[in-house]
């Protein structure tokens, strides 16, 4: 279950998403769950509308408690996802362009800046390999307004000096831009959803 839901109480549908291997996602149909569903092998989505999947009273501002937690609890207790309600034809997707890979560069988006200021991109190391960048010792990060920064490929933070900008594979498998003991997002003036290019 996940809830990031600025449209709570609005037109977006509350959904249960059935994926391969008996995996089930519960949350708002606002793009939050779509990528996870694709990675897990999306099968079907159902609108949460059956009385047994709703709390006793559904507040228009607290669907995390009154809708999603109740539905997740029912499914964890063994009730099938299809019993949530009617089938949903398609899921809302986030307005993000996928990474674009060409020889010598990867064009991608900033999808998260964590509490340490590490910049998580939507590219994976396989994208950098397809671009022929995995063996490059030095990498350029090209930012908006013609700015750029030099990065060094590393596997772990101990390999670099304090505040050095680096590029590495993060714990979730995505490419990260970081700085040892420093805030990379502040140093580079990068924000969520910025488009950046990684090049040799």
N, C-alpha and C. Protein backbone atom coordinates (compact mmCIF):
# COMPACT_ATOMS: atom_id res chain seq x y z
N UNK A 1 0.84 -1.18 0.00
CA UNK A 1 0.00 0.00 0.00
C UNK A 1 0.88 1.23 0.00
N UNK A 2 0.54 2.21 -0.84
CA UNK A 2 1.27 3.47 -0.88
C UNK A 2 0.27 4.59 -1.08
N UNK A 3 0.51 5.72 -0.39
CA UNK A 3 -0.40 6.85 -0.51
C UNK A 3 0.41 8.14 -0.64
N UNK A 4 0.47 8.66 -1.85
CA UNK A 4 0.89 10.04 -2.11
C UNK A 4 -0.24 10.58 -2.96
N UNK A 5 -1.10 11.37 -2.37
CA UNK A 5 -2.43 11.55 -2.95
C UNK A 5 -2.94 12.99 -2.84
N UNK A 6 -2.32 13.93 -3.57
CA UNK A 6 -2.80 15.31 -3.48
C UNK A 6 -4.22 15.49 -4.00
N UNK A 7 -4.72 14.54 -4.79
CA UNK A 7 -6.09 14.63 -5.31
C UNK A 7 -7.10 13.87 -4.48
N UNK A 8 -6.78 13.61 -3.20
CA UNK A 8 -7.69 12.85 -2.34
C UNK A 8 -9.07 13.48 -2.35
N UNK A 9 -10.09 12.62 -2.49
CA UNK A 9 -11.47 13.09 -2.51
C UNK A 9 -11.93 13.56 -3.88
N UNK A 10 -11.03 13.57 -4.86
CA UNK A 10 -11.36 14.05 -6.21
C UNK A 10 -11.71 12.91 -7.14
N UNK A 11 -11.49 13.15 -8.44
CA UNK A 11 -11.92 12.21 -9.47
C UNK A 11 -11.03 10.98 -9.60
N UNK A 12 -9.79 11.04 -9.12
CA UNK A 12 -8.90 9.89 -9.29
C UNK A 12 -9.48 8.66 -8.58
N UNK A 13 -9.28 7.50 -9.17
CA UNK A 13 -9.88 6.28 -8.63
C UNK A 13 -8.99 5.67 -7.54
N UNK A 14 -9.58 5.09 -6.49
CA UNK A 14 -8.83 4.26 -5.57
C UNK A 14 -8.77 2.85 -6.16
N UNK A 15 -7.58 2.25 -6.22
CA UNK A 15 -7.45 0.99 -6.95
C UNK A 15 -6.68 -0.08 -6.18
N UNK A 16 -7.00 -1.31 -6.57
CA UNK A 16 -6.23 -2.50 -6.21
C UNK A 16 -5.65 -3.02 -7.51
N UNK A 17 -4.34 -3.21 -7.55
CA UNK A 17 -3.67 -3.65 -8.78
C UNK A 17 -3.10 -5.04 -8.57
N UNK A 18 -3.55 -5.96 -9.40
CA UNK A 18 -3.09 -7.35 -9.33
C UNK A 18 -1.93 -7.55 -10.30
N UNK A 19 -0.82 -8.07 -9.78
CA UNK A 19 0.37 -8.32 -10.60
C UNK A 19 0.71 -9.80 -10.56
N UNK A 20 1.69 -10.19 -11.35
CA UNK A 20 2.11 -11.59 -11.40
C UNK A 20 2.66 -12.03 -10.04
N UNK A 21 2.63 -13.34 -9.82
CA UNK A 21 3.18 -13.89 -8.58
C UNK A 21 2.39 -13.51 -7.34
N UNK A 22 1.10 -13.27 -7.50
CA UNK A 22 0.20 -12.93 -6.39
C UNK A 22 0.62 -11.65 -5.67
N UNK A 23 1.30 -10.77 -6.38
CA UNK A 23 1.65 -9.47 -5.81
C UNK A 23 0.50 -8.50 -6.05
N UNK A 24 0.20 -7.67 -5.06
CA UNK A 24 -0.93 -6.76 -5.13
C UNK A 24 -0.50 -5.38 -4.61
N UNK A 25 -0.89 -4.35 -5.34
CA UNK A 25 -0.63 -2.96 -4.93
C UNK A 25 -1.96 -2.28 -4.63
N UNK A 26 -1.98 -1.43 -3.63
CA UNK A 26 -3.19 -0.71 -3.26
C UNK A 26 -2.84 0.77 -3.10
N UNK A 27 -3.64 1.64 -3.72
CA UNK A 27 -3.39 3.07 -3.60
C UNK A 27 -4.20 3.87 -4.60
N UNK A 28 -3.87 5.15 -4.77
CA UNK A 28 -4.60 5.99 -5.71
C UNK A 28 -4.13 5.77 -7.14
N UNK A 29 -5.05 5.89 -8.08
CA UNK A 29 -4.70 5.78 -9.50
C UNK A 29 -4.33 7.18 -10.01
N UNK A 30 -3.14 7.63 -9.60
CA UNK A 30 -2.66 8.95 -10.00
C UNK A 30 -1.24 8.90 -10.57
N UNK A 31 -0.78 7.69 -10.90
CA UNK A 31 0.57 7.51 -11.43
C UNK A 31 1.55 6.97 -10.41
N UNK A 32 1.19 7.01 -9.14
CA UNK A 32 2.08 6.58 -8.08
C UNK A 32 2.50 5.11 -8.22
N UNK A 33 1.56 4.25 -8.59
CA UNK A 33 1.81 2.81 -8.58
C UNK A 33 2.13 2.23 -9.96
N UNK A 34 2.02 3.02 -11.01
CA UNK A 34 2.09 2.49 -12.37
C UNK A 34 3.43 1.84 -12.69
N UNK A 35 4.54 2.50 -12.37
CA UNK A 35 5.85 1.91 -12.68
C UNK A 35 6.10 0.65 -11.88
N UNK A 36 5.71 0.65 -10.62
CA UNK A 36 5.86 -0.55 -9.80
C UNK A 36 5.04 -1.69 -10.38
N UNK A 37 3.82 -1.40 -10.82
CA UNK A 37 2.96 -2.43 -11.40
C UNK A 37 3.59 -3.02 -12.66
N UNK A 38 4.18 -2.17 -13.49
CA UNK A 38 4.84 -2.68 -14.71
C UNK A 38 6.02 -3.57 -14.37
N UNK A 39 6.82 -3.16 -13.38
CA UNK A 39 7.98 -3.96 -12.98
C UNK A 39 7.56 -5.30 -12.38
N UNK A 40 6.43 -5.31 -11.69
CA UNK A 40 5.97 -6.54 -11.04
C UNK A 40 5.14 -7.43 -11.95
N UNK A 41 4.87 -6.95 -13.17
CA UNK A 41 4.09 -7.75 -14.12
C UNK A 41 2.60 -7.49 -14.00
N UNK A 42 2.18 -6.30 -14.37
CA UNK A 42 0.78 -5.87 -14.28
C UNK A 42 -0.16 -6.87 -14.95
N UNK A 43 -1.25 -7.19 -14.26
CA UNK A 43 -2.28 -8.06 -14.83
C UNK A 43 -3.62 -7.34 -14.94
N UNK A 44 -4.16 -6.87 -13.80
CA UNK A 44 -5.46 -6.21 -13.80
C UNK A 44 -5.50 -5.16 -12.69
N UNK A 45 -6.40 -4.20 -12.86
CA UNK A 45 -6.66 -3.22 -11.80
C UNK A 45 -8.16 -3.16 -11.54
N UNK A 46 -8.53 -2.95 -10.27
CA UNK A 46 -9.93 -2.90 -9.87
C UNK A 46 -10.17 -1.66 -9.02
N UNK A 47 -11.28 -1.01 -9.30
CA UNK A 47 -11.66 0.17 -8.51
C UNK A 47 -12.17 -0.28 -7.15
N UNK A 48 -11.71 0.34 -6.09
CA UNK A 48 -12.18 0.00 -4.74
C UNK A 48 -13.55 0.63 -4.55
N UNK A 49 -14.59 -0.23 -4.54
CA UNK A 49 -15.96 0.27 -4.40
C UNK A 49 -16.86 -0.70 -3.63
N UNK A 50 -16.45 -1.95 -3.46
CA UNK A 50 -17.28 -2.92 -2.73
C UNK A 50 -17.31 -2.54 -1.24
N UNK A 51 -18.48 -2.62 -0.61
CA UNK A 51 -18.61 -2.21 0.80
C UNK A 51 -17.60 -2.88 1.73
N UNK A 52 -17.27 -4.14 1.49
CA UNK A 52 -16.33 -4.85 2.35
C UNK A 52 -14.91 -4.31 2.28
N UNK A 53 -14.62 -3.50 1.27
CA UNK A 53 -13.29 -2.92 1.11
C UNK A 53 -13.21 -1.48 1.62
N UNK A 54 -14.31 -0.97 2.14
CA UNK A 54 -14.36 0.41 2.62
C UNK A 54 -14.43 0.42 4.14
N UNK A 55 -13.89 1.47 4.74
CA UNK A 55 -14.05 1.64 6.18
C UNK A 55 -15.50 1.95 6.52
N UNK A 56 -15.80 1.92 7.82
CA UNK A 56 -17.18 2.19 8.23
C UNK A 56 -17.64 3.58 7.81
N UNK A 57 -16.72 4.53 7.87
CA UNK A 57 -17.00 5.90 7.41
C UNK A 57 -15.81 6.32 6.58
N UNK A 58 -16.06 6.79 5.36
CA UNK A 58 -14.97 7.20 4.46
C UNK A 58 -14.91 8.72 4.42
N UNK A 59 -13.86 9.25 5.05
CA UNK A 59 -13.64 10.69 5.04
C UNK A 59 -13.16 11.13 3.65
N UNK A 60 -13.58 12.31 3.17
CA UNK A 60 -13.10 12.76 1.86
C UNK A 60 -11.64 13.22 1.88
N UNK A 61 -11.03 13.30 3.08
CA UNK A 61 -9.65 13.78 3.16
C UNK A 61 -8.67 12.76 3.74
N UNK A 62 -9.14 11.54 4.06
CA UNK A 62 -8.24 10.57 4.71
C UNK A 62 -8.43 9.18 4.12
N UNK A 63 -8.25 9.07 2.80
CA UNK A 63 -8.43 7.78 2.14
C UNK A 63 -7.35 6.77 2.51
N UNK A 64 -6.17 7.24 2.94
CA UNK A 64 -5.13 6.32 3.39
C UNK A 64 -5.64 5.41 4.48
N UNK A 65 -6.36 5.97 5.42
CA UNK A 65 -6.92 5.20 6.54
C UNK A 65 -8.22 4.50 6.17
N UNK A 66 -9.15 5.27 5.54
CA UNK A 66 -10.52 4.79 5.37
C UNK A 66 -10.74 3.90 4.15
N UNK A 67 -9.87 4.00 3.16
CA UNK A 67 -10.01 3.21 1.93
C UNK A 67 -8.85 2.24 1.75
N UNK A 68 -7.65 2.81 1.62
CA UNK A 68 -6.50 1.99 1.23
C UNK A 68 -6.07 1.02 2.31
N UNK A 69 -6.01 1.44 3.55
CA UNK A 69 -5.61 0.53 4.63
C UNK A 69 -6.63 -0.59 4.81
N UNK A 70 -7.91 -0.23 4.70
CA UNK A 70 -8.97 -1.25 4.82
C UNK A 70 -8.87 -2.27 3.69
N UNK A 71 -8.69 -1.78 2.45
CA UNK A 71 -8.57 -2.69 1.29
C UNK A 71 -7.32 -3.57 1.41
N UNK A 72 -6.20 -2.98 1.81
CA UNK A 72 -4.97 -3.76 1.95
C UNK A 72 -5.13 -4.83 3.03
N UNK A 73 -5.81 -4.47 4.11
CA UNK A 73 -6.05 -5.45 5.18
C UNK A 73 -6.92 -6.61 4.71
N UNK A 74 -7.94 -6.31 3.92
CA UNK A 74 -8.81 -7.38 3.40
C UNK A 74 -8.02 -8.33 2.50
N UNK A 75 -7.18 -7.76 1.65
CA UNK A 75 -6.39 -8.60 0.73
C UNK A 75 -5.37 -9.41 1.51
N UNK A 76 -4.73 -8.80 2.50
CA UNK A 76 -3.76 -9.53 3.34
C UNK A 76 -4.45 -10.67 4.09
N UNK A 77 -5.75 -10.50 4.35
CA UNK A 77 -6.53 -11.53 5.03
C UNK A 77 -7.03 -12.63 4.10
N UNK A 78 -6.72 -12.52 2.79
CA UNK A 78 -7.06 -13.60 1.87
C UNK A 78 -8.16 -13.31 0.86
N UNK A 79 -8.76 -12.13 0.89
CA UNK A 79 -9.80 -11.80 -0.07
C UNK A 79 -9.14 -11.48 -1.41
N UNK A 80 -9.69 -11.94 -2.51
CA UNK A 80 -9.11 -11.73 -3.83
C UNK A 80 -9.22 -10.29 -4.30
N UNK A 81 -8.22 -9.79 -5.03
CA UNK A 81 -8.25 -8.41 -5.53
C UNK A 81 -9.47 -8.09 -6.38
N UNK A 82 -9.96 -9.06 -7.16
CA UNK A 82 -11.09 -8.80 -8.04
C UNK A 82 -12.38 -8.51 -7.28
N UNK A 83 -12.41 -8.83 -5.98
CA UNK A 83 -13.60 -8.57 -5.18
C UNK A 83 -13.70 -7.11 -4.74
N UNK A 84 -12.65 -6.30 -5.04
CA UNK A 84 -12.67 -4.88 -4.65
C UNK A 84 -13.73 -4.10 -5.40
N UNK A 85 -13.96 -4.49 -6.66
CA UNK A 85 -14.93 -3.74 -7.45
C UNK A 85 -14.74 -3.97 -8.93
N UNK A 86 -15.24 -3.03 -9.72
CA UNK A 86 -15.20 -3.18 -11.18
C UNK A 86 -13.77 -3.03 -11.72
N UNK A 87 -13.54 -3.67 -12.87
CA UNK A 87 -12.22 -3.63 -13.50
C UNK A 87 -11.96 -2.24 -14.09
N UNK A 88 -10.72 -1.78 -13.91
CA UNK A 88 -10.28 -0.49 -14.46
C UNK A 88 -9.55 -0.78 -15.76
N UNK A 89 -9.87 -0.04 -16.82
CA UNK A 89 -9.30 -0.32 -18.15
C UNK A 89 -7.81 -0.03 -18.25
N UNK A 90 -7.34 1.03 -17.67
CA UNK A 90 -5.93 1.39 -17.75
C UNK A 90 -5.56 2.28 -16.60
N UNK A 91 -4.28 2.31 -16.26
CA UNK A 91 -3.81 3.11 -15.14
C UNK A 91 -3.27 4.46 -15.62
N UNK A 92 -3.39 5.46 -14.77
CA UNK A 92 -2.80 6.77 -15.03
C UNK A 92 -1.28 6.63 -14.92
N UNK A 93 -0.57 7.26 -15.83
CA UNK A 93 0.89 7.22 -15.80
C UNK A 93 1.42 8.61 -15.50
N UNK A 94 2.59 8.68 -14.88
CA UNK A 94 3.22 9.96 -14.60
C UNK A 94 3.75 10.57 -15.90
N UNK A 95 3.72 11.89 -16.02
CA UNK A 95 4.18 12.53 -17.26
C UNK A 95 5.69 12.64 -17.34
N UNK A 96 6.37 11.50 -17.28
CA UNK A 96 7.83 11.47 -17.37
C UNK A 96 8.24 10.80 -18.67
N UNK A 97 9.16 11.41 -19.37
CA UNK A 97 9.72 10.74 -20.55
C UNK A 97 10.68 9.67 -20.06
N UNK A 98 10.69 8.51 -20.68
CA UNK A 98 11.65 7.48 -20.28
C UNK A 98 13.06 7.91 -20.67
N UNK A 99 14.08 7.30 -20.06
CA UNK A 99 15.46 7.64 -20.45
C UNK A 99 15.66 7.40 -21.94
N UNK A 100 16.43 8.28 -22.56
CA UNK A 100 16.77 8.15 -23.97
C UNK A 100 18.26 7.81 -24.06
N UNK A 101 18.56 6.67 -24.70
CA UNK A 101 19.93 6.17 -24.78
C UNK A 101 20.44 6.27 -26.20
N UNK A 102 21.56 6.95 -26.39
CA UNK A 102 22.25 6.99 -27.68
C UNK A 102 23.72 6.68 -27.44
N UNK A 103 24.47 6.49 -28.48
CA UNK A 103 25.91 6.20 -28.33
C UNK A 103 26.57 7.39 -27.64
N UNK A 104 27.11 7.15 -26.48
CA UNK A 104 27.85 8.18 -25.76
C UNK A 104 27.06 9.06 -24.83
N UNK A 105 25.72 8.84 -24.73
CA UNK A 105 24.96 9.67 -23.79
C UNK A 105 23.63 9.03 -23.37
N UNK A 106 23.19 9.42 -22.20
CA UNK A 106 21.88 9.02 -21.68
C UNK A 106 21.18 10.27 -21.20
N UNK A 107 19.99 10.52 -21.74
CA UNK A 107 19.16 11.65 -21.35
C UNK A 107 18.09 11.10 -20.41
N UNK A 108 18.00 11.65 -19.18
CA UNK A 108 17.10 11.07 -18.19
C UNK A 108 16.55 12.14 -17.26
N UNK A 109 15.69 11.72 -16.31
CA UNK A 109 15.03 12.65 -15.40
C UNK A 109 15.41 12.40 -13.96
N UNK A 110 15.38 13.45 -13.16
CA UNK A 110 15.56 13.35 -11.71
C UNK A 110 14.21 12.93 -11.13
N UNK A 111 14.17 11.75 -10.52
CA UNK A 111 12.90 11.26 -9.96
C UNK A 111 12.84 11.37 -8.44
N UNK A 112 13.99 11.65 -7.81
CA UNK A 112 13.98 11.79 -6.35
C UNK A 112 15.26 12.48 -5.91
N UNK A 113 15.14 13.33 -4.91
CA UNK A 113 16.30 13.87 -4.21
C UNK A 113 16.11 13.46 -2.76
N UNK A 114 17.02 12.63 -2.23
CA UNK A 114 16.81 12.11 -0.88
C UNK A 114 17.25 13.12 0.18
N UNK A 115 17.10 12.75 1.45
CA UNK A 115 17.38 13.68 2.55
C UNK A 115 18.85 14.07 2.62
N UNK A 116 19.73 13.30 1.99
CA UNK A 116 21.16 13.62 1.99
C UNK A 116 21.55 14.50 0.80
N UNK A 117 20.59 14.75 -0.10
CA UNK A 117 20.89 15.52 -1.30
C UNK A 117 21.41 14.69 -2.45
N UNK A 118 21.31 13.35 -2.33
CA UNK A 118 21.67 12.48 -3.44
C UNK A 118 20.58 12.57 -4.51
N UNK A 119 21.00 12.60 -5.76
CA UNK A 119 20.09 12.79 -6.89
C UNK A 119 19.84 11.43 -7.54
N UNK A 120 18.61 10.94 -7.46
CA UNK A 120 18.29 9.63 -8.03
C UNK A 120 17.63 9.87 -9.39
N UNK A 121 18.19 9.22 -10.40
CA UNK A 121 17.71 9.36 -11.78
C UNK A 121 16.85 8.17 -12.16
N UNK A 122 16.10 8.29 -13.25
CA UNK A 122 15.29 7.15 -13.70
C UNK A 122 16.07 6.22 -14.62
N UNK A 123 17.35 6.48 -14.82
CA UNK A 123 18.21 5.59 -15.61
C UNK A 123 18.80 4.52 -14.72
N UNK A 124 19.11 3.38 -15.34
CA UNK A 124 19.79 2.29 -14.64
C UNK A 124 21.17 2.10 -15.25
N UNK A 125 22.00 1.33 -14.58
CA UNK A 125 23.36 1.11 -15.07
C UNK A 125 23.35 0.43 -16.43
N UNK A 126 22.33 -0.38 -16.70
CA UNK A 126 22.24 -1.03 -18.01
C UNK A 126 22.07 0.02 -19.11
N UNK A 127 21.41 1.14 -18.81
CA UNK A 127 21.28 2.22 -19.80
C UNK A 127 22.63 2.85 -20.09
N UNK A 128 23.44 3.04 -19.04
CA UNK A 128 24.78 3.59 -19.24
C UNK A 128 25.66 2.62 -20.02
N UNK A 129 25.49 1.33 -19.78
CA UNK A 129 26.24 0.32 -20.53
C UNK A 129 25.85 0.34 -22.00
N UNK A 130 24.54 0.45 -22.28
CA UNK A 130 24.07 0.51 -23.67
C UNK A 130 24.62 1.74 -24.40
N UNK A 131 24.87 2.81 -23.65
CA UNK A 131 25.43 4.03 -24.25
C UNK A 131 26.95 3.96 -24.37
N UNK A 132 27.56 2.89 -23.81
CA UNK A 132 29.01 2.75 -23.86
C UNK A 132 29.74 3.59 -22.82
N UNK A 133 29.06 3.92 -21.73
CA UNK A 133 29.64 4.80 -20.72
C UNK A 133 30.20 4.06 -19.50
N UNK A 134 29.95 2.76 -19.39
CA UNK A 134 30.30 2.05 -18.16
C UNK A 134 31.80 1.95 -17.92
N UNK A 135 32.61 2.09 -18.97
CA UNK A 135 34.06 1.99 -18.79
C UNK A 135 34.74 3.36 -18.75
N UNK A 136 33.96 4.43 -18.87
CA UNK A 136 34.54 5.77 -18.85
C UNK A 136 34.95 6.14 -17.42
N UNK A 137 36.16 6.62 -17.27
CA UNK A 137 36.62 7.03 -15.95
C UNK A 137 35.99 8.35 -15.54
N UNK A 138 35.85 9.26 -16.49
CA UNK A 138 35.26 10.57 -16.22
C UNK A 138 33.97 10.71 -17.01
N UNK A 139 32.98 11.27 -16.37
CA UNK A 139 31.66 11.45 -16.97
C UNK A 139 31.26 12.92 -16.80
N UNK A 140 30.54 13.44 -17.77
CA UNK A 140 29.99 14.78 -17.64
C UNK A 140 28.49 14.69 -17.39
N UNK A 141 28.04 15.48 -16.45
CA UNK A 141 26.61 15.64 -16.22
C UNK A 141 26.24 16.99 -16.80
N UNK A 142 25.40 16.96 -17.83
CA UNK A 142 24.99 18.20 -18.49
C UNK A 142 23.62 18.60 -17.94
N UNK A 143 23.56 19.80 -17.40
CA UNK A 143 22.38 20.29 -16.71
C UNK A 143 21.68 21.36 -17.56
N UNK A 144 20.58 21.87 -17.05
CA UNK A 144 19.86 22.91 -17.78
C UNK A 144 20.69 24.20 -17.86
N UNK A 145 20.33 25.05 -18.80
CA UNK A 145 21.00 26.32 -19.05
C UNK A 145 22.49 26.15 -19.35
N UNK A 146 22.86 25.05 -19.97
CA UNK A 146 24.23 24.85 -20.44
C UNK A 146 25.26 24.56 -19.37
N UNK A 147 24.81 24.35 -18.14
CA UNK A 147 25.76 24.03 -17.08
C UNK A 147 26.17 22.57 -17.16
N UNK A 148 27.38 22.26 -16.66
CA UNK A 148 27.81 20.86 -16.62
C UNK A 148 28.74 20.66 -15.43
N UNK A 149 28.94 19.41 -15.08
CA UNK A 149 29.82 19.06 -13.96
C UNK A 149 30.53 17.75 -14.28
N UNK A 150 31.76 17.63 -13.81
CA UNK A 150 32.53 16.39 -13.99
C UNK A 150 32.22 15.44 -12.85
N UNK A 151 32.02 14.18 -13.19
CA UNK A 151 31.72 13.13 -12.21
C UNK A 151 32.72 12.00 -12.36
N UNK A 152 32.86 11.21 -11.30
CA UNK A 152 33.70 10.02 -11.39
C UNK A 152 32.86 8.81 -11.02
N UNK A 153 32.96 7.74 -11.83
CA UNK A 153 32.28 6.48 -11.53
C UNK A 153 32.93 5.83 -10.31
N UNK A 154 32.12 5.41 -9.34
CA UNK A 154 32.63 4.67 -8.19
C UNK A 154 31.61 3.60 -7.81
N UNK A 155 32.04 2.68 -6.95
CA UNK A 155 31.12 1.66 -6.42
C UNK A 155 30.67 2.03 -5.02
N UNK A 156 31.50 2.79 -4.28
CA UNK A 156 31.17 3.15 -2.90
C UNK A 156 31.82 4.49 -2.54
N UNK A 157 31.29 5.10 -1.50
CA UNK A 157 31.72 6.44 -1.11
C UNK A 157 33.16 6.50 -0.60
N UNK A 158 33.66 5.41 -0.05
CA UNK A 158 35.02 5.44 0.51
C UNK A 158 36.09 5.66 -0.56
N UNK A 159 35.73 5.51 -1.83
CA UNK A 159 36.71 5.65 -2.91
C UNK A 159 37.05 7.10 -3.26
N UNK A 160 36.32 8.06 -2.70
CA UNK A 160 36.50 9.45 -3.12
C UNK A 160 36.75 10.37 -1.94
N UNK A 161 37.26 11.55 -2.25
CA UNK A 161 37.53 12.53 -1.20
C UNK A 161 36.22 13.26 -0.84
N UNK A 162 36.25 13.95 0.28
CA UNK A 162 35.09 14.68 0.77
C UNK A 162 34.62 15.72 -0.26
N UNK A 163 33.30 15.75 -0.48
CA UNK A 163 32.60 16.69 -1.37
C UNK A 163 32.83 16.44 -2.86
N UNK A 164 33.56 15.39 -3.22
CA UNK A 164 33.75 15.08 -4.64
C UNK A 164 32.44 14.56 -5.23
N UNK A 165 32.09 15.05 -6.43
CA UNK A 165 30.88 14.60 -7.12
C UNK A 165 31.12 13.25 -7.78
N UNK A 166 30.20 12.34 -7.58
CA UNK A 166 30.36 10.97 -8.09
C UNK A 166 29.07 10.48 -8.74
N UNK A 167 29.21 9.41 -9.51
CA UNK A 167 28.07 8.72 -10.09
C UNK A 167 28.23 7.25 -9.72
N UNK A 168 27.13 6.65 -9.26
CA UNK A 168 27.17 5.25 -8.83
C UNK A 168 25.79 4.62 -8.94
N UNK A 169 25.77 3.31 -8.78
CA UNK A 169 24.50 2.59 -8.75
C UNK A 169 24.00 2.59 -7.32
N UNK A 170 22.79 3.12 -7.11
CA UNK A 170 22.22 3.19 -5.77
C UNK A 170 21.66 1.86 -5.32
N UNK A 171 21.20 1.81 -4.10
CA UNK A 171 20.72 0.56 -3.50
C UNK A 171 19.48 0.01 -4.17
N UNK A 172 18.74 0.84 -4.92
CA UNK A 172 17.53 0.37 -5.61
C UNK A 172 17.79 0.10 -7.09
N UNK A 173 19.06 0.16 -7.50
CA UNK A 173 19.40 -0.17 -8.88
C UNK A 173 19.38 0.99 -9.84
N UNK A 174 19.06 2.19 -9.37
CA UNK A 174 19.03 3.36 -10.23
C UNK A 174 20.34 4.14 -10.13
N UNK A 175 20.65 4.89 -11.17
CA UNK A 175 21.86 5.71 -11.18
C UNK A 175 21.66 6.88 -10.22
N UNK A 176 22.67 7.13 -9.40
CA UNK A 176 22.63 8.24 -8.46
C UNK A 176 23.82 9.16 -8.67
N UNK A 177 23.58 10.44 -8.50
CA UNK A 177 24.63 11.45 -8.47
C UNK A 177 24.73 11.88 -7.01
N UNK A 178 25.93 11.86 -6.46
CA UNK A 178 26.09 12.16 -5.05
C UNK A 178 27.40 12.90 -4.83
N UNK A 179 27.59 13.34 -3.61
CA UNK A 179 28.84 13.96 -3.19
C UNK A 179 29.13 13.45 -1.78
N UNK A 180 30.33 12.96 -1.57
CA UNK A 180 30.66 12.41 -0.25
C UNK A 180 30.58 13.51 0.82
N UNK A 181 29.76 13.24 1.83
CA UNK A 181 29.57 14.16 2.97
C UNK A 181 29.15 15.55 2.52
N UNK A 182 28.37 15.62 1.46
CA UNK A 182 27.88 16.92 0.96
C UNK A 182 26.56 16.69 0.22
N UNK A 183 25.86 17.77 -0.05
CA UNK A 183 24.56 17.73 -0.70
C UNK A 183 24.74 17.99 -2.20
N UNK A 184 24.68 16.93 -3.00
CA UNK A 184 24.90 17.06 -4.44
C UNK A 184 23.83 17.91 -5.11
N UNK A 185 22.59 17.79 -4.68
CA UNK A 185 21.50 18.56 -5.30
C UNK A 185 21.71 20.06 -5.10
N UNK A 186 22.19 20.45 -3.92
CA UNK A 186 22.47 21.87 -3.68
C UNK A 186 23.68 22.33 -4.48
N UNK A 187 24.72 21.51 -4.50
CA UNK A 187 25.94 21.88 -5.25
C UNK A 187 25.63 22.08 -6.73
N UNK A 188 24.76 21.22 -7.29
CA UNK A 188 24.47 21.26 -8.72
C UNK A 188 23.21 22.07 -9.06
N UNK A 189 22.49 22.54 -8.03
CA UNK A 189 21.23 23.26 -8.22
C UNK A 189 20.26 22.44 -9.08
N UNK A 190 20.08 21.20 -8.66
CA UNK A 190 19.20 20.26 -9.36
C UNK A 190 17.93 20.07 -8.55
N UNK A 191 16.80 19.99 -9.26
CA UNK A 191 15.51 19.79 -8.60
C UNK A 191 14.77 18.59 -9.19
N UNK A 192 13.78 18.14 -8.47
CA UNK A 192 12.93 17.03 -8.90
C UNK A 192 12.36 17.31 -10.28
N UNK A 193 12.39 16.30 -11.14
CA UNK A 193 11.88 16.29 -12.52
C UNK A 193 12.75 17.06 -13.52
N UNK A 194 13.89 17.61 -13.07
CA UNK A 194 14.84 18.19 -14.02
C UNK A 194 15.27 17.13 -15.01
N UNK A 195 15.51 17.54 -16.23
CA UNK A 195 16.04 16.63 -17.25
C UNK A 195 17.56 16.85 -17.29
N UNK A 196 18.33 15.78 -17.26
CA UNK A 196 19.80 15.87 -17.29
C UNK A 196 20.34 14.90 -18.32
N UNK A 197 21.58 15.12 -18.73
CA UNK A 197 22.23 14.23 -19.68
C UNK A 197 23.55 13.75 -19.10
N UNK A 198 23.79 12.47 -19.20
CA UNK A 198 25.06 11.87 -18.78
C UNK A 198 25.82 11.55 -20.05
N UNK A 199 27.04 12.05 -20.14
CA UNK A 199 27.82 11.86 -21.38
C UNK A 199 29.29 11.65 -21.06
N UNK A 200 30.01 11.08 -22.03
CA UNK A 200 31.45 10.85 -21.85
C UNK A 200 32.20 12.15 -22.08
